[in-house]
C-alpha atoms as a PDB file:
ATOM      1  CA  MET A   1      -0.045  -0.078  -0.129  1.00  0.00           C
ATOM      2  CA  LEU A   2       2.921   2.553   0.536  1.00  0.00           C
ATOM      3  CA  ALA A   3       4.677   1.338  -2.300  1.00  0.00           C
ATOM      4  CA  ASP A   4       1.655   2.906  -4.453  1.00  0.00           C
ATOM      5  CA  LEU A   5       2.034   6.144  -2.566  1.00  0.00           C
ATOM      6  CA  LYS A   6       4.077   8.473  -4.702  1.00  0.00           C
ATOM      7  CA  ARG A   7       5.192  12.129  -3.664  1.00  0.00           C
ATOM      8  CA  VAL A   8       4.634  14.481  -6.369  1.00  0.00           C
ATOM      9  CA  HIS A   9       5.830  17.852  -5.924  1.00  0.00           C
ATOM     10  CA  VAL A  10       3.858  20.846  -7.335  1.00  0.00           C
ATOM     11  CA  LEU A  11       5.469  24.063  -7.139  1.00  0.00           C
ATOM     12  CA  GLU A  12       2.767  26.905  -8.084  1.00  0.00           C
ATOM     13  CA  ASP A  13       3.661  30.297  -9.469  1.00  0.00           C
ATOM     14  CA  ASP A  14       3.726  32.070  -6.073  1.00  0.00           C
ATOM     15  CA  ASP A  15       5.753  29.307  -4.352  1.00  0.00           C
ATOM     16  CA  ALA A  16       8.364  29.704  -7.465  1.00  0.00           C
ATOM     17  CA  ASP A  17       8.516  33.583  -7.046  1.00  0.00           C
ATOM     18  CA  ASN A  18       9.118  33.364  -3.464  1.00  0.00           C
ATOM     19  CA  TYR A  19      11.908  30.589  -3.862  1.00  0.00           C
ATOM     20  CA  LYS A  20      13.596  32.631  -6.544  1.00  0.00           C
ATOM     21  CA  ARG A  21      13.541  35.686  -4.008  1.00  0.00           C
ATOM     22  CA  LYS A  22      15.017  33.720  -1.879  1.00  0.00           C
ATOM     23  CA  VAL A  23      17.596  32.260  -3.773  1.00  0.00           C
ATOM     24  CA  TYR A  24      18.799  35.663  -5.676  1.00  0.00           C
ATOM     25  CA  ALA A  25      18.463  37.584  -2.248  1.00  0.00           C
ATOM     26  CA  GLY A  26      22.027  36.186  -1.623  1.00  0.00           C
ATOM     27  CA  PHE A  27      23.294  36.976  -4.695  1.00  0.00           C
ATOM     28  CA  THR A  28      21.885  40.729  -4.661  1.00  0.00           C
ATOM     29  CA  LEU A  29      23.575  41.461  -1.366  1.00  0.00           C
ATOM     30  CA  GLY A  30      27.125  39.962  -2.712  1.00  0.00           C
ATOM     31  CA  PHE A  31      26.587  42.342  -5.914  1.00  0.00           C
ATOM     32  CA  ALA A  32      25.819  45.248  -3.542  1.00  0.00           C
ATOM     33  CA  LEU A  33      28.725  44.513  -1.349  1.00  0.00           C
ATOM     34  CA  ILE A  34      31.008  44.149  -4.117  1.00  0.00           C
ATOM     35  CA  ILE A  35      29.980  47.498  -5.504  1.00  0.00           C
ATOM     36  CA  ALA A  36      30.650  48.899  -1.945  1.00  0.00           C
ATOM     37  CA  GLY A  37      33.888  47.587  -1.585  1.00  0.00           C
ATOM     38  CA  ILE A  38      34.898  49.112  -4.938  1.00  0.00           C
ATOM     39  CA  ILE A  39      33.854  52.551  -4.371  1.00  0.00           C
ATOM     40  CA  LEU A  40      35.699  52.190  -0.731  1.00  0.00           C
ATOM     41  CA  CYS A  41      38.790  50.986  -2.423  1.00  0.00           C
ATOM     42  CA  VAL A  42      38.601  54.191  -4.854  1.00  0.00           C
ATOM     43  CA  LEU A  43      37.962  56.546  -1.973  1.00  0.00           C
ATOM     44  CA  CYS A  44      40.683  55.267  -0.016  1.00  0.00           C
ATOM     45  CA  THR A  45      43.248  55.420  -2.459  1.00  0.00           C
ATOM     46  CA  LEU A  46      42.257  58.940  -3.682  1.00  0.00           C
ATOM     47  CA  LEU A  47      42.512  59.827  -0.051  1.00  0.00           C
ATOM     48  CA  GLY A  48      45.875  58.402   0.072  1.00  0.00           C
ATOM     49  CA  ILE A  49      47.393  60.016  -2.515  1.00  0.00           C
ATOM     50  CA  ILE A  50      45.972  63.093  -1.281  1.00  0.00           C
ATOM     51  CA  SER A  51      47.459  62.849   2.100  1.00  0.00           C
ATOM     52  CA  CYS A  52      50.941  62.076   0.719  1.00  0.00           C
ATOM     53  CA  ILE A  53      50.905  65.154  -1.759  1.00  0.00           C
ATOM     54  CA  MET A  54      49.823  67.044   1.241  1.00  0.00           C
ATOM     55  CA  ALA A  55      52.354  65.689   3.541  1.00  0.00           C
ATOM     56  CA  LYS A  56      54.806  66.611   0.807  1.00  0.00           C
ATOM     57  CA  ASN A  57      53.812  69.859   0.494  1.00  0.00           C
ATOM     58  CA  LYS A  58      53.988  70.448   3.799  1.00  0.00           C
ATOM     59  CA  LYS A  59      57.617  68.948   4.083  1.00  0.00           C
ATOM     60  CA  SER A  60      58.561  71.375   1.580  1.00  0.00           C
ATOM     61  CA  GLY A  61      56.640  74.250   2.886  1.00  0.00           C
ATOM     62  CA  ALA A  62      58.263  73.944   6.578  1.00  0.00           C
ATOM     63  CA  LYS A  63      61.765  73.164   4.728  1.00  0.00           C
ATOM     64  CA  ASN A  64      61.265  76.964   2.948  1.00  0.00           C
ATOM     65  CA  ALA A  65      59.805  78.328   5.929  1.00  0.00           C
ATOM     66  CA  ASP A  66      63.072  77.331   7.840  1.00  0.00           C
ATOM     67  CA  SER A  67      65.408  78.802   5.485  1.00  0.00           C
ATOM     68  CA  GLN A  68      63.346  82.193   5.018  1.00  0.00           C
ATOM     69  CA  SER A  69      63.722  82.699   9.134  1.00  0.00           C
ATOM     70  CA  LYS A  70      67.372  81.727   8.586  1.00  0.00           C
ATOM     71  CA  ALA A  71      67.905  84.300   5.974  1.00  0.00           C
ATOM     72  CA  GLY A  72      65.911  86.960   7.895  1.00  0.00           C
ATOM     73  CA  LYS A  73      68.241  87.652  10.807  1.00  0.00           C
ATOM     74  CA  ASP A  74      65.828  90.340  12.089  1.00  0.00           C
ATOM     75  CA  SER A  75      62.985  88.275  12.920  1.00  0.00           C
ATOM     76  CA  PRO A  76      62.510  87.039  16.211  1.00  0.00           C
ATOM     77  CA  PRO A  77      63.774  83.418  16.683  1.00  0.00           C
ATOM     78  CA  THR A  78      60.823  80.914  16.574  1.00  0.00           C
ATOM     79  CA  PHE A  79      60.612  78.053  19.171  1.00  0.00           C
ATOM     80  CA  ARG A  80      62.481  75.665  17.216  1.00  0.00           C
ATOM     81  CA  GLU A  81      65.514  77.987  16.721  1.00  0.00           C
ATOM     82  CA  SER A  82      65.154  79.149  20.412  1.00  0.00           C
ATOM     83  CA  GLU A  83      65.069  75.623  21.380  1.00  0.00           C
ATOM     84  CA  SER A  84      68.319  74.655  19.089  1.00  0.00           C
ATOM     85  CA  ILE A  85      70.072  77.735  20.512  1.00  0.00           C
ATOM     86  CA  GLY A  86      69.456  76.059  24.112  1.00  0.00           C
ATOM     87  CA  VAL A  87      70.836  72.919  23.217  1.00  0.00           C
ATOM     88  CA  GLU A  88      73.805  74.414  21.290  1.00  0.00           C
ATOM     89  CA  SER A  89      74.791  76.401  24.423  1.00  0.00           C
ATOM     90  CA  LEU A  90      74.749  73.225  26.747  1.00  0.00           C
END
């Protein structure tokens, strides 16, 4: 009697749509995360490049400021110059 029973799986349109949404939800989320990762990678790269350029400009600006302050003897000594003078006198 049990051998005569067969399990028949019937998938209706509503069930198929729900199943398809569940399956593709992971792919949609993965795609969104990949796009977000690419955007963050580009933004972080640009931020790093801008930071390096600004640090380089700041370093060269500090050298120019030091050379200008040493060239102008009439100007009052800056903190760094007064500090180095005190250390050299010891």
